[in-house]
Amino acid sequence: MIVTPPEPGRATYPGEVTDPDPAATTPVPGVPSLGAIIRRQRELASLSMRALADTVGISNPYLSQIERGLRAPSEAVLGAIAETLQTTADDLYTQAGFIAEDDDEQDVGPPLSEAIEAAHELTAAQRKALGEIYRAFLTANRVRRRREPPS
C-alpha cells in the first residue's frame, strides 16, 4: 500500500497546526521548550508516548512531533495533554516561558471572578467551569500578546 503525503498546508491530524507560529517553537535560552516540558511531565507520570497519545486522541507520531518541537499543538490539544498530565495549559505555558510567573496576577479581574463565585443561581460545577473558561481566555490573551512582535 502506497501512502502519499498530504498536500502542503493541509492538516493531517485533528487540531494540528500545520505551520506553527515560530514563537511557539523557538527555544528561549535557558528555558525548556513546550515539547520538552510535555515530555518531562509525561515521563514523570510514567506514561508511554502511545498511552498519552491514545488518551488525548492524537496519533503517536503527532505527539512525537510536539515533544520534539516540530509541531505546535492547538489550544484544544494542549488542554487535553495538560488534563491527562494532571496540570493546566497555563502551567505548561509558564514553564515554557510564554507567560511570566508574575503575569498571573495581572489582568485577573477580581470583580468578575468574585461575580462568578457570587452567582448562586449557578451550580458549583457551572461556577467552576465559567471561572476556568475566564482564566483560559486571560491566559490565551497573555500568550498572544507575548507572541506578537512589538509595534
Protein backbone atom coordinates (compact mmCIF):
# COMPACT_ATOMS: atom_id res chain seq x y z
CA MET A 1 0.00 0.00 0.00
CA ILE A 2 1.44 3.38 -1.00
CA VAL A 3 0.69 6.29 1.28
CA THR A 4 1.02 9.73 -0.24
CA PRO A 5 1.87 12.71 1.94
CA PRO A 6 -0.83 15.34 2.45
CA GLU A 7 -0.90 18.47 0.37
CA PRO A 8 1.29 21.28 1.73
CA GLY A 9 -0.53 23.42 4.27
CA ARG A 10 -3.20 20.78 4.89
CA ALA A 11 -3.67 19.40 8.40
CA THR A 12 -3.23 15.66 8.81
CA TYR A 13 -4.36 15.29 12.44
CA PRO A 14 -7.29 16.83 14.31
CA GLY A 15 -6.17 20.05 15.93
CA GLU A 16 -2.83 20.04 14.13
CA VAL A 17 -1.19 23.36 13.42
CA THR A 18 0.44 22.83 10.03
CA ASP A 19 2.59 25.95 10.05
CA PRO A 20 3.20 26.63 13.73
CA ASP A 21 3.85 30.11 14.97
CA PRO A 22 7.66 30.39 15.14
CA ALA A 23 7.33 31.89 18.62
CA ALA A 24 5.64 28.68 19.75
CA THR A 25 8.59 26.52 18.79
CA THR A 26 11.56 28.91 19.01
CA PRO A 27 13.65 27.97 22.02
CA VAL A 28 14.32 30.65 24.60
CA PRO A 29 17.83 30.39 26.04
CA GLY A 30 17.72 28.76 29.47
CA VAL A 31 14.04 27.81 29.19
CA PRO A 32 12.96 24.33 28.08
CA SER A 33 10.67 24.17 25.05
CA LEU A 34 6.98 23.40 25.42
CA GLY A 35 7.57 19.98 23.85
CA ALA A 36 10.41 19.19 26.27
CA ILE A 37 8.17 20.16 29.19
CA ILE A 38 5.39 17.91 27.91
CA ARG A 39 7.87 15.04 27.53
CA ARG A 40 9.22 15.57 31.06
CA GLN A 41 5.70 15.68 32.54
CA ARG A 42 4.74 12.54 30.59
CA GLU A 43 7.81 10.71 31.89
CA LEU A 44 7.13 11.88 35.47
CA ALA A 45 3.60 10.49 35.13
CA SER A 46 5.11 7.17 33.94
CA LEU A 47 3.08 7.30 30.73
CA SER A 48 4.32 5.93 27.46
CA MET A 49 4.08 8.15 24.43
CA ARG A 50 1.48 5.79 22.97
CA ALA A 51 -0.63 5.85 26.15
CA LEU A 52 -0.65 9.65 26.30
CA ALA A 53 -1.43 9.97 22.58
CA ASP A 54 -4.31 7.47 22.87
CA THR A 55 -5.75 9.23 25.92
CA VAL A 56 -5.53 12.66 24.29
CA GLY A 57 -6.93 11.38 20.98
CA ILE A 58 -3.96 12.19 18.75
CA SER A 59 -1.56 9.95 16.89
CA ASN A 60 1.72 8.77 18.35
CA PRO A 61 3.75 10.45 15.54
CA TYR A 62 1.95 13.76 16.12
CA LEU A 63 2.75 13.65 19.86
CA SER A 64 6.35 12.84 19.00
CA GLN A 65 6.50 15.90 16.73
CA ILE A 66 5.06 18.08 19.51
CA GLU A 67 7.61 16.78 22.02
CA ARG A 68 10.48 17.39 19.59
CA GLY A 69 9.26 20.93 18.85
CA LEU A 70 8.42 20.23 15.21
CA ARG A 71 4.72 21.00 15.67
CA ALA A 72 2.88 23.40 17.94
CA PRO A 73 -0.26 21.90 19.48
CA SER A 74 -3.57 23.70 19.19
CA GLU A 75 -5.04 25.06 22.41
CA ALA A 76 -7.52 22.16 22.47
CA VAL A 77 -4.78 19.54 22.10
CA LEU A 78 -2.57 21.27 24.69
CA GLY A 79 -5.54 21.43 27.06
CA ALA A 80 -6.19 17.70 26.63
CA ILE A 81 -2.49 16.92 27.17
CA ALA A 82 -2.42 19.09 30.29
CA GLU A 83 -5.58 17.48 31.68
CA THR A 84 -4.17 13.99 31.12
CA LEU A 85 -0.92 15.00 32.82
CA GLN A 86 -2.94 16.47 35.73
CA THR A 87 -1.71 20.01 35.19
CA THR A 88 -3.00 23.03 33.30
CA ALA A 89 -2.14 24.59 29.98
CA ASP A 90 -1.29 27.75 31.96
CA ASP A 91 1.36 25.86 33.93
CA LEU A 92 2.85 24.41 30.75
CA TYR A 93 2.93 27.85 29.11
CA THR A 94 4.54 29.35 32.23
CA GLN A 95 7.21 26.65 32.39
CA ALA A 96 7.97 27.23 28.70
CA GLY A 97 8.43 30.96 29.30
CA PHE A 98 5.37 32.15 27.34
CA ILE A 99 3.83 33.62 30.49
CA ALA A 100 5.96 35.27 33.13
CA GLU A 101 5.07 33.91 36.54
CA ASP A 102 4.26 37.39 37.85
CA ASP A 103 1.89 37.93 34.87
CA ASP A 104 -0.63 35.64 36.56
CA GLU A 105 -1.71 38.44 38.88
CA GLN A 106 -2.07 40.97 36.05
CA ASP A 107 -5.28 41.09 34.03
CA VAL A 108 -7.12 38.97 36.60
CA GLY A 109 -10.35 40.80 37.12
CA PRO A 110 -11.26 40.25 40.74
CA PRO A 111 -14.69 41.86 40.25
CA LEU A 112 -15.55 39.35 37.53
CA SER A 113 -14.05 36.41 39.42
CA GLU A 114 -15.96 37.49 42.52
CA ALA A 115 -19.15 37.91 40.50
CA ILE A 116 -18.79 34.39 39.13
CA GLU A 117 -18.30 33.00 42.64
CA ALA A 118 -21.25 35.04 43.94
CA ALA A 119 -23.62 33.84 41.19
CA HIS A 120 -25.62 31.45 43.34
CA GLU A 121 -28.15 30.93 40.54
CA LEU A 122 -25.41 28.73 39.01
CA THR A 123 -24.38 25.36 40.38
CA ALA A 124 -20.92 24.96 41.89
CA ALA A 125 -19.83 23.00 38.81
CA GLN A 126 -21.11 25.75 36.50
CA ARG A 127 -19.28 28.44 38.50
CA LYS A 128 -16.09 26.38 38.40
CA ALA A 129 -16.39 25.84 34.62
CA LEU A 130 -17.12 29.53 33.99
CA GLY A 131 -14.12 30.54 36.10
CA GLU A 132 -11.87 28.12 34.20
CA ILE A 133 -13.08 29.47 30.85
CA TYR A 134 -12.47 33.03 32.00
CA ARG A 135 -8.92 32.20 33.17
CA ALA A 136 -8.25 30.34 29.90
CA PHE A 137 -9.23 33.42 27.89
CA LEU A 138 -6.93 35.59 30.01
CA THR A 139 -4.07 33.14 29.51
CA ALA A 140 -4.63 32.91 25.77
CA ASN A 141 -4.56 36.70 25.53
CA ARG A 142 -1.33 36.91 27.55
CA VAL A 143 0.30 34.27 25.34
CA ARG A 144 -0.90 36.03 22.19
CA ARG A 145 0.49 39.37 23.42
CA ARG A 146 3.87 37.78 24.17
CA ARG A 147 3.99 36.25 20.66
CA GLU A 148 3.07 39.45 18.83
CA PRO A 149 6.07 41.48 17.65
CA PRO A 150 6.32 44.96 19.16
CA SER A 151 4.75 47.71 17.04
